[in-house]
Amino acid sequence: MKKITQLSIVILLLIFAFLPFKTVASEASLSPIVVYDVPISSLHPTQAGIGKIQISYKLTEYLANDAALTASFFEDFNEDNGYIKGNYLTADTQTPKQDKNLLKTVNMREELGALVNPALGSLSVQVVIGPHKEYYAIDGHHGSNTNQLIKEMTGLGYDKINVAVIADYSDLDEKTFWQTMLAQKYMYPKAYNVATHQYETISGLKLPKQMNNQLFVNDPFRGLNYFWRSTAINKDTISVPFAEFYWGEFMSRTHEFDDLNFQTPDDYQTAFERGNAIFEKLIAGDAKYTYLFSEVVTQQYGITANQIGLQDSYSAAKLAKQQDKLDTAKAYMFSHPNLTTSNQAVFDGNTPVEPPTSEDSSTDDNTSTSNDETSSTDSADSSSSASESDTSGSATNSSDTATSSTDSADNSFSASESDTSGSDTNSSDTATSSTASDDSSSSESQKNSSEREASSSTDAAISPAEQTHSSDKTATTQIADSTLPHTGDSPIQFWLILLGAACVIIAGIKFYRLKE
């Protein structure tokens, strides 16, 4: 009986020993997986706003008289795709010659068939796989939009890009998916309404369905943030997503911009100067602005000014260079009407979404938003000239805190708001820009959306070394589940592994004693 008892204990110990290893094996690696040549048109945005003044400047850098691509284009494009300063790999994973000139003259992927080595260069476009196995870009919106727009405006450049898949949430229902995206800060569910002079939480149904310049709200603060760099902001020290949007929320809450409608170059110039003055005082420790930043950003999001790039000192010496960039951007933007539009339709009939009930959370809603519901937001002609209002910003100011908190945002998307979302990861802001020309129509957007849904039904997996994405613009690529982080990942797995190891040791001792 004693031996039977001991044998039973050994068996139980072995069972418990292997349980943690089975759990760990089912968990995913945190290393990003590179997927090549993904059609930009297949990426779902995770934010509603882009800075079109910033995009305008990038277009002047990338296009030589709108007729040829510049060295700056190729350098930024290749770096966005993961090829940095000659550090690229051939198909046999051997590093070829360090020819930095190639980076500035050709598409590295097209010329060499190069493979990205994540240890040598990071990709600016990071994506999460969501419901229906579709890609949701959590950063790189400006760069992707720029490339798409250049292709449509001139026929030059490329409409595909390499992406880094950092998480696979495709096993979640759509309501849980959006709540997870919000909790992880992988989306930004607000947009600046120039008519009310504040950032408003918007309905998920109003978010853009694809990368298209005409579908986005023009956020002047998001754009001007690019020109406040070097004087007040160091982009290299930004450690959280959405940094420019947080700065925008702070700036708008000062109410020192409420008289601007951003429909003229002068408005951008005035805002640029006022922003610099505010930054200079904030850096110097001005009590008024320090308190306001804490109230608007730190208390709501738990984010400090240093985390979103605030410099230790204001660099007035860099101001002239940034002013020259802004002057160039203003001239280009206001000579191209498609860059001055803002899709204000996202704010029309935008009613708050009720938090999900317990009954709602028990249902699995995987139904895509209908094209009829979304087509109204895809109109390319939805720009508006917001009237100036000295009082509307103050009158609506009290609602900012309630609507912008991240905790409440976790419940702001219902299951029906499933096809879009908003986020901008600012640590990789080297490439910036917009997408789509004036003649982009809502029917075309609907067509692309429906084609993407149809193509997402395939379940084929792709390994990191596979180089080619489907040539179909609307195709989506599947990644093996075992290589990606899932929401089920947990730190307790470390302790389970230790426990398993201990169990194995004890089991060995028991077997040894039984033999004796």
Protein backbone atom coordinates (compact mmCIF):
# COMPACT_ATOMS: atom_id res chain seq x y z
CA MET A 1 0.00 0.00 0.00
CA LYS A 2 2.86 2.33 0.84
CA LYS A 3 4.40 1.82 -2.61
CA ILE A 4 1.05 2.38 -4.32
CA THR A 5 0.61 5.61 -2.40
CA GLN A 6 4.10 6.72 -3.35
CA LEU A 7 3.50 5.82 -7.00
CA SER A 8 0.25 7.82 -6.98
CA ILE A 9 2.08 10.81 -5.56
CA VAL A 10 4.73 10.49 -8.26
CA ILE A 11 2.11 10.38 -11.02
CA LEU A 12 0.34 13.44 -9.63
CA LEU A 13 3.66 15.27 -9.36
CA LEU A 14 4.46 14.45 -12.97
CA ILE A 15 1.06 15.71 -14.09
CA PHE A 16 1.53 18.98 -12.25
CA ALA A 17 5.09 19.20 -13.54
CA PHE A 18 4.01 19.19 -17.18
CA LEU A 19 0.97 21.42 -16.80
CA PRO A 20 2.95 24.68 -16.67
CA PHE A 21 5.08 23.65 -19.62
CA LYS A 22 1.96 22.98 -21.67
CA THR A 23 0.62 26.39 -20.70
CA VAL A 24 3.86 28.14 -21.57
CA ALA A 25 4.04 26.37 -24.92
CA SER A 26 0.62 27.69 -25.81
CA GLU A 27 1.62 31.25 -24.94
CA ALA A 28 3.08 33.44 -27.62
CA SER A 29 6.47 34.99 -28.13
CA LEU A 30 6.64 38.74 -27.57
CA SER A 31 8.99 39.16 -30.51
CA PRO A 32 7.36 40.99 -33.43
CA ILE A 33 6.83 39.10 -36.65
CA VAL A 34 7.66 40.85 -39.93
CA VAL A 35 5.15 40.53 -42.76
CA TYR A 36 6.26 41.83 -46.13
CA ASP A 37 4.54 43.87 -48.84
CA VAL A 38 1.23 44.42 -47.09
CA PRO A 39 -1.10 46.62 -49.18
CA ILE A 40 -1.54 49.93 -47.38
CA SER A 41 -5.18 49.92 -48.43
CA SER A 42 -5.75 46.80 -46.30
CA LEU A 43 -4.66 48.48 -43.06
CA HIS A 44 -7.36 49.67 -40.66
CA PRO A 45 -6.57 53.01 -39.01
CA THR A 46 -6.83 53.20 -35.24
CA GLN A 47 -7.27 56.96 -35.01
CA ALA A 48 -9.55 59.54 -36.60
CA GLY A 49 -7.16 62.47 -36.96
CA ILE A 50 -3.94 63.23 -38.80
CA GLY A 51 -1.89 66.41 -39.02
CA LYS A 52 -2.18 67.59 -42.60
CA ILE A 53 0.23 70.49 -42.15
CA GLN A 54 2.89 67.93 -41.23
CA ILE A 55 1.95 65.77 -44.20
CA SER A 56 2.26 68.79 -46.46
CA TYR A 57 5.83 69.38 -45.37
CA LYS A 58 6.77 65.75 -45.94
CA LEU A 59 5.38 65.92 -49.47
CA THR A 60 7.71 68.83 -50.21
CA GLU A 61 10.60 66.70 -48.98
CA TYR A 62 9.63 63.60 -50.93
CA LEU A 63 8.64 65.05 -54.31
CA ALA A 64 10.97 67.03 -56.52
CA ASN A 65 8.57 69.37 -58.31
CA ASP A 66 5.94 66.62 -58.10
CA ALA A 67 7.84 64.72 -60.77
CA ALA A 68 10.44 62.57 -59.06
CA LEU A 69 11.12 60.91 -55.72
CA THR A 70 13.93 62.38 -53.65
CA ALA A 71 16.68 60.77 -51.59
CA SER A 72 14.70 61.82 -48.50
CA PHE A 73 11.75 59.73 -49.69
CA PHE A 74 13.80 56.59 -50.15
CA GLU A 75 15.65 57.04 -46.87
CA ASP A 76 12.43 57.45 -44.87
CA PHE A 77 10.57 54.77 -46.82
CA ASN A 78 13.35 52.22 -46.34
CA GLU A 79 13.72 53.04 -42.67
CA ASP A 80 9.95 52.71 -42.22
CA ASN A 81 10.25 49.26 -43.80
CA GLY A 82 13.00 48.25 -41.39
CA TYR A 83 16.11 48.88 -43.48
CA ILE A 84 18.36 51.30 -41.63
CA LYS A 85 21.64 52.71 -42.93
CA GLY A 86 22.65 49.69 -44.95
CA ASN A 87 21.81 47.13 -42.28
CA TYR A 88 19.81 44.76 -44.43
CA LEU A 89 19.85 41.02 -44.99
CA THR A 90 19.74 38.93 -48.13
CA ALA A 91 17.58 35.83 -48.43
CA ASP A 92 20.35 33.68 -46.97
CA THR A 93 20.34 35.98 -43.90
CA GLN A 94 23.88 37.18 -44.60
CA THR A 95 24.64 40.89 -44.25
CA PRO A 96 25.77 42.30 -47.60
CA LYS A 97 27.99 45.33 -48.10
CA GLN A 98 27.11 48.38 -46.06
CA ASP A 99 26.11 50.54 -49.01
CA LYS A 100 24.29 53.49 -47.47
CA ASN A 101 23.67 55.05 -50.87
CA LEU A 102 21.30 52.25 -51.76
CA LEU A 103 19.09 53.34 -48.89
CA LYS A 104 18.64 56.73 -50.56
CA THR A 105 18.17 55.63 -54.15
CA VAL A 106 16.10 52.43 -54.31
CA ASN A 107 13.40 50.46 -52.58
CA MET A 108 15.59 48.03 -50.64
CA ARG A 109 12.97 45.32 -50.65
CA GLU A 110 12.43 45.59 -54.38
CA GLU A 111 16.11 45.83 -55.27
CA LEU A 112 17.63 43.18 -53.00
CA GLY A 113 14.79 41.00 -51.81
CA ALA A 114 16.19 41.92 -48.42
CA LEU A 115 14.85 40.46 -45.21
CA VAL A 116 14.35 42.67 -42.19
CA ASN A 117 16.38 41.81 -39.14
CA PRO A 118 14.49 43.27 -36.13
CA ALA A 119 17.81 43.52 -34.30
CA LEU A 120 19.10 45.93 -36.94
CA GLY A 121 16.06 48.06 -37.61
CA SER A 122 12.51 48.52 -36.37
CA LEU A 123 9.49 48.94 -38.60
CA SER A 124 7.44 52.09 -38.19
CA VAL A 125 4.14 50.36 -38.96
CA GLN A 126 3.16 48.07 -36.11
CA VAL A 127 -0.09 46.17 -36.37
CA VAL A 128 -2.42 44.06 -34.29
CA ILE A 129 -4.40 41.25 -35.86
CA GLY A 130 -8.05 41.79 -35.02
CA PRO A 131 -11.37 40.11 -35.77
CA HIS A 132 -11.67 38.60 -39.23
CA LYS A 133 -7.85 38.31 -39.29
CA GLU A 134 -7.50 41.91 -40.45
CA TYR A 135 -4.62 44.25 -39.69
CA TYR A 136 -5.10 47.27 -37.41
CA ALA A 137 -2.20 49.73 -37.62
CA ILE A 138 -1.41 51.13 -34.19
CA ASP A 139 1.19 53.53 -35.56
CA GLY A 140 2.70 54.69 -38.83
CA HIS A 141 -0.53 56.39 -39.95
CA HIS A 142 1.19 59.45 -41.32
CA GLY A 143 3.87 57.55 -43.20
CA SER A 144 1.38 55.09 -44.68
CA ASN A 145 -0.96 57.87 -45.73
CA THR A 146 1.92 59.77 -47.31
CA ASN A 147 3.01 56.81 -49.41
CA GLN A 148 -0.53 56.11 -50.49
CA LEU A 149 -1.10 59.76 -51.41
CA ILE A 150 2.13 60.03 -53.40
CA LYS A 151 1.18 56.94 -55.36
CA GLU A 152 -2.25 58.34 -56.18
CA MET A 153 -1.05 61.88 -56.92
CA THR A 154 1.92 61.04 -59.11
CA GLY A 155 1.96 57.31 -59.82
CA LEU A 156 5.35 57.19 -58.10
CA GLY A 157 6.43 55.31 -55.02
CA TYR A 158 4.84 52.26 -53.45
CA ASP A 159 1.47 51.31 -52.04
CA LYS A 160 2.74 48.34 -50.02
CA ILE A 161 4.76 48.32 -46.84
CA ASN A 162 6.37 45.89 -44.40
CA VAL A 163 4.68 45.66 -41.03
CA ALA A 164 5.54 44.27 -37.61
CA VAL A 165 2.79 42.18 -36.04
CA ILE A 166 3.02 42.68 -32.28
CA ALA A 167 -0.17 40.96 -31.09
CA ASP A 168 -2.89 38.63 -32.31
CA TYR A 169 -6.33 39.38 -30.86
CA SER A 170 -8.22 37.66 -33.66
CA ASP A 171 -9.69 35.15 -31.22
CA LEU A 172 -11.56 37.92 -29.38
CA ASP A 173 -15.09 39.00 -30.17
CA GLU A 174 -15.22 42.53 -31.50
CA LYS A 175 -16.45 44.19 -28.33
CA THR A 176 -13.67 42.62 -26.27
CA PHE A 177 -11.19 43.43 -29.02
CA TRP A 178 -11.90 47.16 -28.82
CA GLN A 179 -11.90 47.15 -25.04
CA THR A 180 -8.52 45.42 -25.14
CA MET A 181 -7.17 47.90 -27.69
CA LEU A 182 -8.24 50.77 -25.43
CA ALA A 183 -6.79 49.16 -22.33
CA GLN A 184 -3.48 48.57 -24.12
CA LYS A 185 -3.50 52.15 -25.49
CA TYR A 186 -3.40 50.76 -29.01
CA MET A 187 -6.02 53.23 -30.21
CA TYR A 188 -6.97 56.87 -29.72
CA PRO A 189 -10.77 57.26 -29.68
CA LYS A 190 -10.91 61.05 -29.94
CA ALA A 191 -10.61 63.76 -32.54
CA TYR A 192 -10.20 67.54 -32.43
CA ASN A 193 -13.36 69.35 -33.47
CA VAL A 194 -12.38 72.77 -34.79
CA ALA A 195 -15.97 73.93 -34.41
CA THR A 196 -16.01 73.36 -30.65
CA HIS A 197 -12.26 73.80 -30.06
CA GLN A 198 -11.99 70.58 -28.08
CA TYR A 199 -11.13 66.92 -28.41
CA GLU A 200 -14.31 64.86 -28.55
CA THR A 201 -14.75 61.16 -27.99
CA ILE A 202 -16.23 59.81 -31.19
CA SER A 203 -18.33 56.84 -32.13
CA GLY A 204 -16.46 53.85 -33.47
CA LEU A 205 -18.70 53.91 -36.53
CA LYS A 206 -17.21 57.29 -37.42
CA LEU A 207 -13.59 56.17 -37.56
CA PRO A 208 -11.95 55.90 -41.01
CA LYS A 209 -12.21 52.52 -42.67
CA GLN A 210 -8.91 52.76 -44.53
CA MET A 211 -5.88 54.97 -45.09
CA ASN A 212 -7.34 57.84 -47.08
CA ASN A 213 -6.50 61.51 -46.62
CA GLN A 214 -10.08 62.59 -47.17
CA LEU A 215 -11.50 60.32 -44.46
CA PHE A 216 -9.48 61.79 -41.60
CA VAL A 217 -10.14 64.79 -39.40
CA ASN A 218 -7.44 67.41 -39.85
CA ASP A 219 -5.91 67.87 -36.41
CA PRO A 220 -3.90 71.11 -36.44
CA PHE A 221 -2.28 70.37 -33.07
CA ARG A 222 -1.17 66.93 -34.23
CA GLY A 223 0.41 68.59 -37.26
CA LEU A 224 1.98 71.53 -35.44
CA ASN A 225 3.54 69.16 -32.93
CA TYR A 226 5.98 68.22 -35.69
CA PHE A 227 7.17 71.83 -35.87
CA TRP A 228 7.42 72.18 -32.08
CA ARG A 229 10.11 69.53 -32.09
CA SER A 230 13.66 70.49 -31.25
CA THR A 231 12.55 73.71 -29.57
CA ALA A 232 10.35 72.03 -26.96
CA ILE A 233 9.85 68.35 -27.81
CA ASN A 234 12.41 65.60 -28.29
CA LYS A 235 10.74 62.84 -30.29
CA ASP A 236 13.47 60.38 -29.35
CA THR A 237 12.45 60.44 -25.68
CA ILE A 238 8.77 59.72 -26.34
CA SER A 239 7.92 56.42 -24.67
CA VAL A 240 4.13 56.15 -25.03
CA PRO A 241 1.72 56.13 -27.98
CA PHE A 242 -0.40 59.14 -28.90
CA ALA A 243 2.08 61.70 -27.54
CA GLU A 244 1.12 64.39 -30.07
CA PHE A 245 -2.56 63.93 -29.33
CA TYR A 246 -1.97 64.35 -25.61
CA TRP A 247 -0.13 67.57 -26.34
CA GLY A 248 -3.07 68.59 -28.48
CA GLU A 249 -5.50 67.99 -25.64
CA PHE A 250 -3.33 70.06 -23.34
CA MET A 251 -3.02 72.93 -25.82
CA SER A 252 -6.74 73.00 -26.58
CA ARG A 253 -7.58 73.14 -22.88
CA THR A 254 -5.60 76.36 -22.48
CA HIS A 255 -8.34 77.99 -24.61
CA GLU A 256 -5.68 80.20 -26.13
CA PHE A 257 -6.52 78.87 -29.60
CA ASP A 258 -10.32 79.20 -29.50
CA ASP A 259 -10.29 82.14 -31.90
CA LEU A 260 -8.59 80.10 -34.65
CA ASN A 261 -10.41 77.97 -37.23
CA PHE A 262 -7.23 76.83 -39.03
CA GLN A 263 -8.56 77.69 -42.45
CA THR A 264 -5.73 80.10 -43.31
CA PRO A 265 -1.90 80.06 -43.16
CA ASP A 266 -2.07 82.91 -40.65
CA ASP A 267 -4.00 80.73 -38.20
CA TYR A 268 -1.28 78.09 -38.31
CA GLN A 269 1.38 80.74 -37.82
CA THR A 270 -0.44 82.23 -34.84
CA ALA A 271 -0.94 78.79 -33.28
CA PHE A 272 2.73 77.92 -33.83
CA GLU A 273 3.86 81.05 -31.99
CA ARG A 274 1.38 80.66 -29.14
CA GLY A 275 2.34 77.01 -28.72
CA ASN A 276 6.02 77.84 -28.47
CA ALA A 277 5.28 80.46 -25.80
CA ILE A 278 3.22 77.94 -23.81
CA PHE A 279 5.93 75.28 -24.07
CA GLU A 280 8.59 77.70 -22.94
CA LYS A 281 6.57 78.57 -19.83
CA LEU A 282 5.72 74.93 -19.12
CA ILE A 283 9.39 73.93 -19.28
CA ALA A 284 10.24 76.82 -16.96
CA GLY A 285 7.77 75.44 -14.41
CA ASP A 286 4.95 77.97 -14.80
CA ALA A 287 2.38 77.04 -12.14
CA LYS A 288 -0.65 77.64 -14.36
CA TYR A 289 0.48 75.37 -17.19
CA THR A 290 2.02 72.78 -14.90
CA TYR A 291 -1.27 72.37 -13.07
CA LEU A 292 -3.25 72.27 -16.32
CA PHE A 293 -1.00 69.59 -17.79
CA SER A 294 -1.40 67.49 -14.67
CA GLU A 295 -5.18 67.85 -14.83
CA VAL A 296 -5.57 67.19 -18.56
CA VAL A 297 -2.94 64.51 -19.15
CA THR A 298 -1.38 63.06 -16.02
CA GLN A 299 -4.56 62.64 -13.98
CA GLN A 300 -6.52 61.21 -16.91
CA TYR A 301 -3.91 59.02 -18.56
CA GLY A 302 -1.19 58.56 -15.95
CA ILE A 303 1.37 60.05 -18.32
CA THR A 304 4.06 62.58 -17.46
CA ALA A 305 5.37 65.38 -19.67
CA ASN A 306 8.75 63.65 -19.96
CA GLN A 307 7.10 60.51 -21.31
CA ILE A 308 5.71 62.47 -24.23
CA GLY A 309 8.95 64.19 -25.04
CA LEU A 310 9.07 67.47 -23.13
CA GLN A 311 12.64 68.77 -23.14
CA ASP A 312 14.49 69.86 -20.03
CA SER A 313 15.17 73.23 -21.61
CA TYR A 314 13.60 75.36 -24.32
CA SER A 315 15.87 75.63 -27.39
CA ALA A 316 15.16 79.02 -28.92
CA ALA A 317 18.14 78.56 -31.25
CA LYS A 318 16.19 75.85 -33.15
CA LEU A 319 13.18 78.09 -33.72
CA ALA A 320 14.31 79.62 -37.02
CA LYS A 321 14.79 76.21 -38.66
CA GLN A 322 11.37 75.02 -37.55
CA GLN A 323 9.83 78.27 -38.78
CA ASP A 324 11.31 77.70 -42.23
CA LYS A 325 9.79 74.21 -42.32
CA LEU A 326 6.41 75.57 -41.33
CA ASP A 327 6.56 78.28 -44.01
CA THR A 328 7.28 75.62 -46.63
CA ALA A 329 4.45 73.43 -45.35
CA LYS A 330 1.91 76.27 -45.31
CA ALA A 331 2.69 77.26 -48.90
CA TYR A 332 2.27 73.68 -50.13
CA MET A 333 -0.80 72.88 -48.08
CA PHE A 334 -2.82 75.89 -49.13
CA SER A 335 -1.97 75.38 -52.79
CA HIS A 336 -3.35 71.82 -52.67
CA PRO A 337 -7.05 71.88 -51.64
CA ASN A 338 -7.11 68.16 -50.91
CA LEU A 339 -4.75 68.84 -47.99
CA THR A 340 -6.89 71.53 -46.36
CA THR A 341 -10.00 69.39 -45.94
CA SER A 342 -11.16 67.90 -42.68
CA ASN A 343 -13.77 65.18 -42.43
CA GLN A 344 -15.98 66.95 -39.91
CA ALA A 345 -18.71 64.40 -40.67
CA VAL A 346 -17.26 62.21 -37.93
CA PHE A 347 -18.84 64.60 -35.44
CA ASP A 348 -22.32 64.66 -37.03
CA GLY A 349 -24.92 62.91 -34.89
CA ASN A 350 -22.17 61.62 -32.68
CA THR A 351 -24.03 60.41 -29.59
CA PRO A 352 -22.24 58.85 -26.62
CA VAL A 353 -22.11 55.08 -26.57
CA GLU A 354 -23.54 53.34 -23.53
CA PRO A 355 -21.11 51.11 -21.63
CA PRO A 356 -21.71 47.41 -22.32
CA THR A 357 -24.02 45.62 -19.89
CA SER A 358 -23.32 42.20 -18.44
CA GLU A 359 -25.73 40.73 -20.98
CA ASP A 360 -23.89 42.45 -23.81
CA SER A 361 -20.54 41.12 -22.66
CA SER A 362 -21.84 37.54 -22.78
CA THR A 363 -22.63 37.76 -26.46
CA ASP A 364 -20.13 37.24 -29.25
CA ASP A 365 -20.75 39.88 -31.86
CA ASN A 366 -18.53 39.40 -34.85
CA THR A 367 -20.66 41.18 -37.38
CA SER A 368 -18.95 43.80 -39.49
CA THR A 369 -20.40 47.28 -39.73
CA SER A 370 -22.59 47.58 -42.78
CA ASN A 371 -21.39 49.57 -45.75
CA ASP A 372 -24.56 51.65 -45.61
CA GLU A 373 -23.70 52.79 -42.08
CA THR A 374 -20.10 53.57 -42.85
CA SER A 375 -20.38 55.14 -46.27
CA SER A 376 -21.48 58.45 -44.88
CA THR A 377 -18.17 58.78 -43.06
CA ASP A 378 -16.17 57.94 -46.16
CA SER A 379 -17.24 60.95 -48.16
CA ALA A 380 -14.28 62.76 -49.61
CA ASP A 381 -16.14 66.04 -49.65
CA SER A 382 -16.86 66.36 -45.94
CA SER A 383 -14.67 69.34 -45.17
CA SER A 384 -16.16 72.20 -43.26
CA SER A 385 -15.16 75.77 -42.55
CA ALA A 386 -15.82 75.93 -38.83
CA SER A 387 -17.04 79.31 -37.63
CA GLU A 388 -15.00 81.14 -35.05
CA SER A 389 -16.37 81.03 -31.55
CA ASP A 390 -14.88 82.73 -28.52
CA THR A 391 -17.31 81.11 -26.13
CA SER A 392 -17.99 77.61 -27.39
CA GLY A 393 -14.65 76.26 -26.18
CA SER A 394 -15.27 77.53 -22.66
CA ALA A 395 -18.85 76.35 -22.64
CA THR A 396 -17.88 72.82 -23.57
CA ASN A 397 -14.70 72.66 -21.58
CA SER A 398 -16.29 70.94 -18.62
CA SER A 399 -17.01 67.87 -20.69
CA ASP A 400 -13.38 67.26 -21.63
CA THR A 401 -12.38 65.48 -18.46
CA ALA A 402 -15.38 63.20 -18.45
CA THR A 403 -15.02 62.17 -22.07
CA SER A 404 -11.28 61.81 -22.29
CA SER A 405 -10.50 59.48 -19.45
CA THR A 406 -8.97 56.20 -20.54
CA ASP A 407 -10.97 54.20 -18.03
CA SER A 408 -14.30 55.39 -19.36
CA ALA A 409 -13.03 54.97 -22.89
CA ASP A 410 -12.64 51.26 -22.24
CA ASN A 411 -16.40 51.01 -22.38
CA SER A 412 -17.03 53.56 -25.09
CA PHE A 413 -17.20 51.16 -27.97
CA SER A 414 -20.06 48.72 -28.38
CA ALA A 415 -19.86 45.53 -30.38
CA SER A 416 -21.45 47.17 -33.39
CA GLU A 417 -18.57 49.63 -33.59
CA SER A 418 -16.28 46.95 -34.78
CA ASP A 419 -14.55 47.89 -37.96
CA THR A 420 -12.31 50.77 -37.03
CA SER A 421 -10.30 52.43 -34.27
CA GLY A 422 -7.74 55.13 -33.56
CA SER A 423 -4.12 55.31 -32.44
CA ASP A 424 -0.87 56.88 -33.33
CA THR A 425 2.38 55.60 -31.94
CA ASN A 426 4.68 58.54 -31.99
CA SER A 427 8.04 56.96 -31.30
CA SER A 428 8.42 56.32 -35.02
CA ASP A 429 7.54 59.57 -36.63
CA THR A 430 10.26 59.86 -39.25
CA ALA A 431 7.86 59.38 -42.09
CA THR A 432 4.75 61.50 -42.00
CA SER A 433 2.01 62.26 -44.37
CA SER A 434 -1.44 61.81 -45.84
CA THR A 435 -3.26 59.62 -48.24
CA ALA A 436 -5.69 59.70 -51.10
CA SER A 437 -6.62 62.35 -53.60
CA ASP A 438 -9.76 64.47 -53.94
CA ASP A 439 -11.51 62.07 -56.24
CA SER A 440 -11.52 59.22 -53.69
CA SER A 441 -15.19 58.32 -53.35
CA SER A 442 -17.20 56.64 -50.64
CA SER A 443 -18.28 53.87 -52.99
CA GLU A 444 -14.66 52.96 -53.64
CA SER A 445 -14.06 52.82 -49.89
CA GLN A 446 -17.04 50.52 -49.52
CA LYS A 447 -15.71 48.30 -52.25
CA ASN A 448 -12.30 48.04 -50.61
CA SER A 449 -13.87 47.31 -47.23
CA SER A 450 -16.08 44.52 -48.56
CA GLU A 451 -13.20 42.98 -50.50
CA ARG A 452 -11.03 42.96 -47.38
CA GLU A 453 -13.77 41.21 -45.42
CA ALA A 454 -14.12 38.59 -48.11
CA SER A 455 -10.40 37.95 -48.30
CA SER A 456 -10.01 37.65 -44.53
CA SER A 457 -11.83 34.33 -44.43
CA THR A 458 -8.69 32.40 -45.33
CA ASP A 459 -6.77 30.83 -42.46
CA ALA A 460 -3.36 30.13 -44.00
CA ALA A 461 -0.40 30.88 -41.72
CA ILE A 462 2.79 32.58 -42.85
CA SER A 463 6.24 32.27 -41.35
CA PRO A 464 8.51 35.26 -40.60
CA ALA A 465 10.82 34.32 -43.45
CA GLU A 466 8.10 34.33 -46.09
CA GLN A 467 8.73 37.39 -48.15
CA THR A 468 5.71 38.14 -50.27
CA HIS A 469 2.25 39.28 -49.33
CA SER A 470 -0.57 38.70 -51.75
CA SER A 471 -0.40 41.04 -54.73
CA ASP A 472 -4.09 41.75 -54.28
CA LYS A 473 -4.42 45.11 -52.54
CA THR A 474 -7.27 43.87 -50.41
CA ALA A 475 -5.67 40.63 -49.27
CA THR A 476 -4.82 40.03 -45.63
CA THR A 477 -2.14 37.72 -44.27
CA GLN A 478 -2.45 35.27 -41.44
CA ILE A 479 0.28 34.72 -38.82
CA ALA A 480 0.75 31.51 -36.90
CA ASP A 481 -0.98 31.99 -33.54
CA SER A 482 1.90 30.44 -31.61
CA THR A 483 4.27 33.26 -32.58
CA LEU A 484 2.23 36.20 -31.31
CA PRO A 485 1.27 37.61 -27.92
CA HIS A 486 -2.32 36.96 -26.87
CA THR A 487 -4.42 38.57 -24.19
CA GLY A 488 -4.02 35.41 -22.12
CA ASP A 489 -0.32 35.99 -21.49
CA SER A 490 0.43 36.29 -17.76
CA PRO A 491 3.48 36.86 -15.51
CA ILE A 492 2.42 33.92 -13.33
CA GLN A 493 3.75 31.60 -16.03
CA PHE A 494 7.25 32.31 -14.71
CA TRP A 495 6.31 30.98 -11.29
CA LEU A 496 4.52 28.01 -12.84
CA ILE A 497 7.71 27.09 -14.64
CA LEU A 498 9.63 27.19 -11.36
CA LEU A 499 6.95 25.09 -9.72
CA GLY A 500 7.11 22.61 -12.58
CA ALA A 501 10.86 22.33 -12.25
CA ALA A 502 10.50 21.66 -8.53
CA CYS A 503 7.89 18.99 -9.24
CA VAL A 504 10.20 17.26 -11.70
CA ILE A 505 12.98 17.17 -9.12
CA ILE A 506 10.66 15.78 -6.45
CA ALA A 507 9.31 13.20 -8.91
CA GLY A 508 12.82 12.04 -9.66
CA ILE A 509 13.56 11.61 -6.00
CA LYS A 510 10.36 9.59 -5.51
CA PHE A 511 11.22 7.29 -8.42
CA TYR A 512 14.69 6.75 -7.02
CA ARG A 513 13.30 5.80 -3.61
CA LEU A 514 10.75 3.44 -5.14
CA LYS A 515 13.51 1.57 -6.92
CA GLU A 516 15.34 1.18 -3.62
